[in-house]
Amino acid sequence: MYGTDFLVAPILDKGKKTKKVYLPEGKWVYLWTGEEFISNGKYIKVKADLGEIPVFYVKGSKYGEDLRKFLSTLK
């Protein structure tokens, strides 16, 4: 966890393309795709491309939404 709004799951294995991530209970948004997850405390598997470390934010987080909007302007 990074503060109360973000969950960051770094890739530690060279060449890995997916990551198994534990999401605590709540509603989460995958930063890179906007996909939403409702978790009761479970593991999920997400795509983990080079340069797109798995990052989730709590749904409704102003910081998360602002970061997602900013990143979309860079594409």
PDB file of N, CA and C in Angstrom:
ATOM      1  N   MET A   1       0.848  -1.177   0.000  1.00  0.00           N
ATOM      2  CA  MET A   1       0.000   0.000   0.000  1.00  0.00           C
ATOM      3  C   MET A   1       0.892   1.238   0.000  1.00  0.00           C
ATOM      4  N   TYR A   2       0.423   2.238  -0.720  1.00  0.00           N
ATOM      5  CA  TYR A   2       1.079   3.533  -0.750  1.00  0.00           C
ATOM      6  C   TYR A   2       0.040   4.518  -0.242  1.00  0.00           C
ATOM      7  N   GLY A   3       0.117   4.863   1.027  1.00  0.00           N
ATOM      8  CA  GLY A   3      -0.922   5.664   1.644  1.00  0.00           C
ATOM      9  C   GLY A   3      -2.194   4.847   1.789  1.00  0.00           C
ATOM     10  N   THR A   4      -3.322   5.525   1.752  1.00  0.00           N
ATOM     11  CA  THR A   4      -4.600   4.823   1.895  1.00  0.00           C
ATOM     12  C   THR A   4      -5.312   4.617   0.568  1.00  0.00           C
ATOM     13  N   ASP A   5      -4.841   5.268  -0.500  1.00  0.00           N
ATOM     14  CA  ASP A   5      -5.549   5.233  -1.781  1.00  0.00           C
ATOM     15  C   ASP A   5      -4.925   4.325  -2.830  1.00  0.00           C
ATOM     16  N   PHE A   6      -3.647   4.006  -2.717  1.00  0.00           N
ATOM     17  CA  PHE A   6      -2.955   3.275  -3.782  1.00  0.00           C
ATOM     18  C   PHE A   6      -2.384   1.944  -3.304  1.00  0.00           C
ATOM     19  N   LEU A   7      -2.398   0.989  -4.206  1.00  0.00           N
ATOM     20  CA  LEU A   7      -1.739  -0.292  -4.004  1.00  0.00           C
ATOM     21  C   LEU A   7      -0.825  -0.499  -5.208  1.00  0.00           C
ATOM     22  N   VAL A   8       0.461  -0.680  -4.950  1.00  0.00           N
ATOM     23  CA  VAL A   8       1.458  -0.853  -6.002  1.00  0.00           C
ATOM     24  C   VAL A   8       2.057  -2.245  -5.860  1.00  0.00           C
ATOM     25  N   ALA A   9       2.116  -2.988  -6.966  1.00  0.00           N
ATOM     26  CA  ALA A   9       2.631  -4.359  -6.949  1.00  0.00           C
ATOM     27  C   ALA A   9       3.819  -4.455  -7.908  1.00  0.00           C
ATOM     28  N   PRO A  10       5.027  -4.182  -7.421  1.00  0.00           N
ATOM     29  CA  PRO A  10       6.194  -4.176  -8.307  1.00  0.00           C
ATOM     30  C   PRO A  10       6.477  -5.550  -8.909  1.00  0.00           C
ATOM     31  N   ILE A  11       7.041  -5.534 -10.097  1.00  0.00           N
ATOM     32  CA  ILE A  11       7.454  -6.754 -10.784  1.00  0.00           C
ATOM     33  C   ILE A  11       8.894  -7.044 -10.357  1.00  0.00           C
ATOM     34  N   LEU A  12       9.120  -8.212  -9.788  1.00  0.00           N
ATOM     35  CA  LEU A  12      10.441  -8.550  -9.287  1.00  0.00           C
ATOM     36  C   LEU A  12      11.144  -9.610 -10.127  1.00  0.00           C
ATOM     37  N   ASP A  13      10.417 -10.238 -11.043  1.00  0.00           N
ATOM     38  CA  ASP A  13      10.989 -11.296 -11.869  1.00  0.00           C
ATOM     39  C   ASP A  13      11.174 -10.813 -13.299  1.00  0.00           C
ATOM     40  N   LYS A  14      12.393 -10.894 -13.802  1.00  0.00           N
ATOM     41  CA  LYS A  14      12.718 -10.448 -15.154  1.00  0.00           C
ATOM     42  C   LYS A  14      11.869 -11.190 -16.195  1.00  0.00           C
ATOM     43  N   GLY A  15      11.307 -10.432 -17.139  1.00  0.00           N
ATOM     44  CA  GLY A  15      10.548 -11.014 -18.238  1.00  0.00           C
ATOM     45  C   GLY A  15       9.121 -11.404 -17.918  1.00  0.00           C
ATOM     46  N   LYS A  16       8.673 -11.170 -16.711  1.00  0.00           N
ATOM     47  CA  LYS A  16       7.317 -11.548 -16.320  1.00  0.00           C
ATOM     48  C   LYS A  16       6.294 -10.639 -17.013  1.00  0.00           C
ATOM     49  N   LYS A  17       5.195 -11.207 -17.494  1.00  0.00           N
ATOM     50  CA  LYS A  17       4.164 -10.450 -18.219  1.00  0.00           C
ATOM     51  C   LYS A  17       2.855 -10.333 -17.443  1.00  0.00           C
ATOM     52  N   THR A  18       2.718 -11.083 -16.352  1.00  0.00           N
ATOM     53  CA  THR A  18       1.533 -10.991 -15.508  1.00  0.00           C
ATOM     54  C   THR A  18       1.974 -10.943 -14.051  1.00  0.00           C
ATOM     55  N   LYS A  19       1.064 -10.502 -13.206  1.00  0.00           N
ATOM     56  CA  LYS A  19       1.368 -10.404 -11.780  1.00  0.00           C
ATOM     57  C   LYS A  19       0.143 -10.822 -10.981  1.00  0.00           C
ATOM     58  N   LYS A  20       0.361 -11.667  -9.996  1.00  0.00           N
ATOM     59  CA  LYS A  20      -0.691 -12.052  -9.058  1.00  0.00           C
ATOM     60  C   LYS A  20      -0.661 -11.030  -7.929  1.00  0.00           C
ATOM     61  N   VAL A  21      -1.795 -10.359  -7.710  1.00  0.00           N
ATOM     62  CA  VAL A  21      -1.862  -9.249  -6.759  1.00  0.00           C
ATOM     63  C   VAL A  21      -2.973  -9.506  -5.747  1.00  0.00           C
ATOM     64  N   TYR A  22      -2.677  -9.280  -4.485  1.00  0.00           N
ATOM     65  CA  TYR A  22      -3.705  -9.366  -3.442  1.00  0.00           C
ATOM     66  C   TYR A  22      -4.381  -8.014  -3.310  1.00  0.00           C
ATOM     67  N   LEU A  23      -5.699  -7.994  -3.515  1.00  0.00           N
ATOM     68  CA  LEU A  23      -6.472  -6.764  -3.332  1.00  0.00           C
ATOM     69  C   LEU A  23      -7.215  -6.844  -2.006  1.00  0.00           C
ATOM     70  N   PRO A  24      -6.962  -5.914  -1.098  1.00  0.00           N
ATOM     71  CA  PRO A  24      -7.727  -5.884   0.149  1.00  0.00           C
ATOM     72  C   PRO A  24      -9.210  -5.641  -0.131  1.00  0.00           C
ATOM     73  N   GLU A  25     -10.010  -5.837   0.857  1.00  0.00           N
ATOM     74  CA  GLU A  25     -11.456  -5.653   0.718  1.00  0.00           C
ATOM     75  C   GLU A  25     -11.776  -4.234   0.258  1.00  0.00           C
ATOM     76  N   GLY A  26     -12.699  -4.136  -0.684  1.00  0.00           N
ATOM     77  CA  GLY A  26     -13.133  -2.832  -1.174  1.00  0.00           C
ATOM     78  C   GLY A  26     -13.287  -2.802  -2.680  1.00  0.00           C
ATOM     79  N   LYS A  27     -13.483  -1.599  -3.207  1.00  0.00           N
ATOM     80  CA  LYS A  27     -13.615  -1.385  -4.654  1.00  0.00           C
ATOM     81  C   LYS A  27     -12.327  -0.741  -5.140  1.00  0.00           C
ATOM     82  N   TRP A  28     -11.720  -1.361  -6.163  1.00  0.00           N
ATOM     83  CA  TRP A  28     -10.433  -0.930  -6.685  1.00  0.00           C
ATOM     84  C   TRP A  28     -10.515  -0.678  -8.180  1.00  0.00           C
ATOM     85  N   VAL A  29      -9.684   0.230  -8.667  1.00  0.00           N
ATOM     86  CA  VAL A  29      -9.593   0.534 -10.095  1.00  0.00           C
ATOM     87  C   VAL A  29      -8.155   0.302 -10.534  1.00  0.00           C
ATOM     88  N   TYR A  30      -7.989  -0.436 -11.649  1.00  0.00           N
ATOM     89  CA  TYR A  30      -6.661  -0.674 -12.216  1.00  0.00           C
ATOM     90  C   TYR A  30      -6.264   0.582 -12.979  1.00  0.00           C
ATOM     91  N   LEU A  31      -5.183   1.206 -12.556  1.00  0.00           N
ATOM     92  CA  LEU A  31      -4.785   2.512 -13.083  1.00  0.00           C
ATOM     93  C   LEU A  31      -4.670   2.545 -14.597  1.00  0.00           C
ATOM     94  N   TRP A  32      -4.091   1.529 -15.215  1.00  0.00           N
ATOM     95  CA  TRP A  32      -3.771   1.562 -16.642  1.00  0.00           C
ATOM     96  C   TRP A  32      -4.967   1.329 -17.542  1.00  0.00           C
ATOM     97  N   THR A  33      -5.971   0.606 -17.071  1.00  0.00           N
ATOM     98  CA  THR A  33      -7.103   0.283 -17.936  1.00  0.00           C
ATOM     99  C   THR A  33      -8.429   0.868 -17.458  1.00  0.00           C
ATOM    100  N   GLY A  34      -8.502   1.237 -16.207  1.00  0.00           N
ATOM    101  CA  GLY A  34      -9.759   1.711 -15.637  1.00  0.00           C
ATOM    102  C   GLY A  34     -10.688   0.576 -15.224  1.00  0.00           C
ATOM    103  N   GLU A  35     -10.212  -0.663 -15.392  1.00  0.00           N
ATOM    104  CA  GLU A  35     -11.030  -1.820 -15.008  1.00  0.00           C
ATOM    105  C   GLU A  35     -11.273  -1.784 -13.499  1.00  0.00           C
ATOM    106  N   GLU A  36     -12.523  -2.072 -13.120  1.00  0.00           N
ATOM    107  CA  GLU A  36     -12.894  -2.027 -11.707  1.00  0.00           C
ATOM    108  C   GLU A  36     -12.994  -3.431 -11.124  1.00  0.00           C
ATOM    109  N   PHE A  37     -12.566  -3.553  -9.880  1.00  0.00           N
ATOM    110  CA  PHE A  37     -12.603  -4.818  -9.161  1.00  0.00           C
ATOM    111  C   PHE A  37     -13.275  -4.603  -7.813  1.00  0.00           C
ATOM    112  N   ILE A  38     -14.156  -5.516  -7.447  1.00  0.00           N
ATOM    113  CA  ILE A  38     -14.730  -5.526  -6.107  1.00  0.00           C
ATOM    114  C   ILE A  38     -14.109  -6.721  -5.412  1.00  0.00           C
ATOM    115  N   SER A  39     -13.425  -6.457  -4.302  1.00  0.00           N
ATOM    116  CA  SER A  39     -12.680  -7.516  -3.636  1.00  0.00           C
ATOM    117  C   SER A  39     -13.153  -7.716  -2.205  1.00  0.00           C
ATOM    118  N   ASN A  40     -13.230  -8.967  -1.842  1.00  0.00           N
ATOM    119  CA  ASN A  40     -13.468  -9.340  -0.447  1.00  0.00           C
ATOM    120  C   ASN A  40     -12.155  -9.817   0.163  1.00  0.00           C
ATOM    121  N   GLY A  41     -11.058  -9.318  -0.377  1.00  0.00           N
ATOM    122  CA  GLY A  41      -9.736  -9.752   0.050  1.00  0.00           C
ATOM    123  C   GLY A  41      -9.342 -10.996  -0.715  1.00  0.00           C
ATOM    124  N   LYS A  42      -8.922 -10.823  -1.968  1.00  0.00           N
ATOM    125  CA  LYS A  42      -8.574 -11.974  -2.805  1.00  0.00           C
ATOM    126  C   LYS A  42      -7.432 -11.629  -3.751  1.00  0.00           C
ATOM    127  N   TYR A  43      -6.867 -12.679  -4.348  1.00  0.00           N
ATOM    128  CA  TYR A  43      -5.817 -12.506  -5.345  1.00  0.00           C
ATOM    129  C   TYR A  43      -6.436 -12.435  -6.736  1.00  0.00           C
ATOM    130  N   ILE A  44      -5.864 -11.583  -7.570  1.00  0.00           N
ATOM    131  CA  ILE A  44      -6.247 -11.510  -8.970  1.00  0.00           C
ATOM    132  C   ILE A  44      -4.973 -11.538  -9.805  1.00  0.00           C
ATOM    133  N   LYS A  45      -5.099 -11.836 -11.082  1.00  0.00           N
ATOM    134  CA  LYS A  45      -3.949 -11.823 -11.985  1.00  0.00           C
ATOM    135  C   LYS A  45      -4.174 -10.708 -12.993  1.00  0.00           C
ATOM    136  N   VAL A  46      -3.169  -9.849 -13.175  1.00  0.00           N
ATOM    137  CA  VAL A  46      -3.280  -8.733 -14.109  1.00  0.00           C
ATOM    138  C   VAL A  46      -2.087  -8.719 -15.056  1.00  0.00           C
ATOM    139  N   LYS A  47      -2.298  -8.102 -16.211  1.00  0.00           N
ATOM    140  CA  LYS A  47      -1.241  -7.908 -17.196  1.00  0.00           C
ATOM    141  C   LYS A  47      -0.215  -6.941 -16.608  1.00  0.00           C
ATOM    142  N   ALA A  48       1.054  -7.208 -16.858  1.00  0.00           N
ATOM    143  CA  ALA A  48       2.112  -6.379 -16.294  1.00  0.00           C
ATOM    144  C   ALA A  48       3.180  -6.132 -17.342  1.00  0.00           C
ATOM    145  N   ASP A  49       2.892  -5.264 -18.275  1.00  0.00           N
ATOM    146  CA  ASP A  49       3.841  -4.938 -19.335  1.00  0.00           C
ATOM    147  C   ASP A  49       4.967  -4.055 -18.808  1.00  0.00           C
ATOM    148  N   LEU A  50       6.081  -4.070 -19.511  1.00  0.00           N
ATOM    149  CA  LEU A  50       7.204  -3.214 -19.172  1.00  0.00           C
ATOM    150  C   LEU A  50       6.727  -1.754 -19.166  1.00  0.00           C
ATOM    151  N   GLY A  51       6.985  -1.049 -18.099  1.00  0.00           N
ATOM    152  CA  GLY A  51       6.572   0.350 -17.997  1.00  0.00           C
ATOM    153  C   GLY A  51       5.177   0.542 -17.431  1.00  0.00           C
ATOM    154  N   GLU A  52       4.485  -0.552 -17.156  1.00  0.00           N
ATOM    155  CA  GLU A  52       3.146  -0.451 -16.567  1.00  0.00           C
ATOM    156  C   GLU A  52       3.063  -1.352 -15.340  1.00  0.00           C
ATOM    157  N   ILE A  53       3.728  -0.940 -14.287  1.00  0.00           N
ATOM    158  CA  ILE A  53       3.706  -1.671 -13.026  1.00  0.00           C
ATOM    159  C   ILE A  53       2.254  -1.717 -12.542  1.00  0.00           C
ATOM    160  N   PRO A  54       1.788  -2.856 -12.051  1.00  0.00           N
ATOM    161  CA  PRO A  54       0.416  -2.917 -11.547  1.00  0.00           C
ATOM    162  C   PRO A  54       0.180  -1.917 -10.407  1.00  0.00           C
ATOM    163  N   VAL A  55      -0.720  -0.982 -10.676  1.00  0.00           N
ATOM    164  CA  VAL A  55      -1.096   0.030  -9.693  1.00  0.00           C
ATOM    165  C   VAL A  55      -2.610   0.086  -9.648  1.00  0.00           C
ATOM    166  N   PHE A  56      -3.158   0.042  -8.445  1.00  0.00           N
ATOM    167  CA  PHE A  56      -4.593   0.132  -8.227  1.00  0.00           C
ATOM    168  C   PHE A  56      -4.855   1.302  -7.294  1.00  0.00           C
ATOM    169  N   TYR A  57      -6.039   1.878  -7.420  1.00  0.00           N
ATOM    170  CA  TYR A  57      -6.444   2.900  -6.456  1.00  0.00           C
ATOM    171  C   TYR A  57      -7.861   2.626  -6.009  1.00  0.00           C
ATOM    172  N   VAL A  58      -8.177   3.120  -4.820  1.00  0.00           N
ATOM    173  CA  VAL A  58      -9.509   2.943  -4.259  1.00  0.00           C
ATOM    174  C   VAL A  58     -10.497   3.710  -5.129  1.00  0.00           C
ATOM    175  N   LYS A  59     -11.570   3.031  -5.537  1.00  0.00           N
ATOM    176  CA  LYS A  59     -12.573   3.692  -6.369  1.00  0.00           C
ATOM    177  C   LYS A  59     -13.105   4.925  -5.642  1.00  0.00           C
ATOM    178  N   GLY A  60     -13.161   6.028  -6.369  1.00  0.00           N
ATOM    179  CA  GLY A  60     -13.631   7.285  -5.801  1.00  0.00           C
ATOM    180  C   GLY A  60     -12.517   8.173  -5.278  1.00  0.00           C
ATOM    181  N   SER A  61     -11.283   7.674  -5.293  1.00  0.00           N
ATOM    182  CA  SER A  61     -10.147   8.460  -4.822  1.00  0.00           C
ATOM    183  C   SER A  61      -9.882   9.618  -5.784  1.00  0.00           C
ATOM    184  N   LYS A  62      -9.876  10.824  -5.266  1.00  0.00           N
ATOM    185  CA  LYS A  62      -9.576  11.992  -6.096  1.00  0.00           C
ATOM    186  C   LYS A  62      -8.175  11.882  -6.678  1.00  0.00           C
ATOM    187  N   TYR A  63      -7.218  11.440  -5.873  1.00  0.00           N
ATOM    188  CA  TYR A  63      -5.840  11.313  -6.341  1.00  0.00           C
ATOM    189  C   TYR A  63      -5.723  10.270  -7.444  1.00  0.00           C
ATOM    190  N   GLY A  64      -6.409   9.164  -7.281  1.00  0.00           N
ATOM    191  CA  GLY A  64      -6.383   8.118  -8.295  1.00  0.00           C
ATOM    192  C   GLY A  64      -7.002   8.578  -9.603  1.00  0.00           C
ATOM    193  N   GLU A  65      -8.153   9.215  -9.511  1.00  0.00           N
ATOM    194  CA  GLU A  65      -8.831   9.713 -10.720  1.00  0.00           C
ATOM    195  C   GLU A  65      -7.990  10.779 -11.420  1.00  0.00           C
ATOM    196  N   ASP A  66      -7.389  11.685 -10.639  1.00  0.00           N
ATOM    197  CA  ASP A  66      -6.543  12.727 -11.234  1.00  0.00           C
ATOM    198  C   ASP A  66      -5.327  12.126 -11.926  1.00  0.00           C
ATOM    199  N   LEU A  67      -4.708  11.130 -11.308  1.00  0.00           N
ATOM    200  CA  LEU A  67      -3.549  10.483 -11.919  1.00  0.00           C
ATOM    201  C   LEU A  67      -3.945   9.761 -13.200  1.00  0.00           C
ATOM    202  N   ARG A  68      -5.066   9.069 -13.187  1.00  0.00           N
ATOM    203  CA  ARG A  68      -5.534   8.364 -14.383  1.00  0.00           C
ATOM    204  C   ARG A  68      -5.788   9.350 -15.532  1.00  0.00           C
ATOM    205  N   LYS A  69      -6.424  10.480 -15.235  1.00  0.00           N
ATOM    206  CA  LYS A  69      -6.688  11.496 -16.262  1.00  0.00           C
ATOM    207  C   LYS A  69      -5.383  12.054 -16.813  1.00  0.00           C
ATOM    208  N   PHE A  70      -4.427  12.333 -15.940  1.00  0.00           N
ATOM    209  CA  PHE A  70      -3.136  12.861 -16.374  1.00  0.00           C
ATOM    210  C   PHE A  70      -2.433  11.858 -17.288  1.00  0.00           C
ATOM    211  N   LEU A  71      -2.386  10.599 -16.886  1.00  0.00           N
ATOM    212  CA  LEU A  71      -1.705   9.578 -17.698  1.00  0.00           C
ATOM    213  C   LEU A  71      -2.370   9.407 -19.065  1.00  0.00           C
ATOM    214  N   SER A  72      -3.679   9.590 -19.130  1.00  0.00           N
ATOM    215  CA  SER A  72      -4.373   9.434 -20.419  1.00  0.00           C
ATOM    216  C   SER A  72      -3.984  10.547 -21.391  1.00  0.00           C
ATOM    217  N   THR A  73      -3.523  11.692 -20.900  1.00  0.00           N
ATOM    218  CA  THR A  73      -3.091  12.769 -21.790  1.00  0.00           C
ATOM    219  C   THR A  73      -1.725  12.476 -22.404  1.00  0.00           C
ATOM    220  N   LEU A  74      -0.990  11.547 -21.835  1.00  0.00           N
ATOM    221  CA  LEU A  74       0.355  11.216 -22.323  1.00  0.00           C
ATOM    222  C   LEU A  74       0.369  10.209 -23.451  1.00  0.00           C
ATOM    223  N   LYS A  75      -0.749   9.526 -23.662  1.00  0.00           N
ATOM    224  CA  LYS A  75      -0.784   8.466 -24.687  1.00  0.00           C
ATOM    225  C   LYS A  75      -0.979   9.025 -26.055  1.00  0.00           C
TER     226      LYS A  75
END
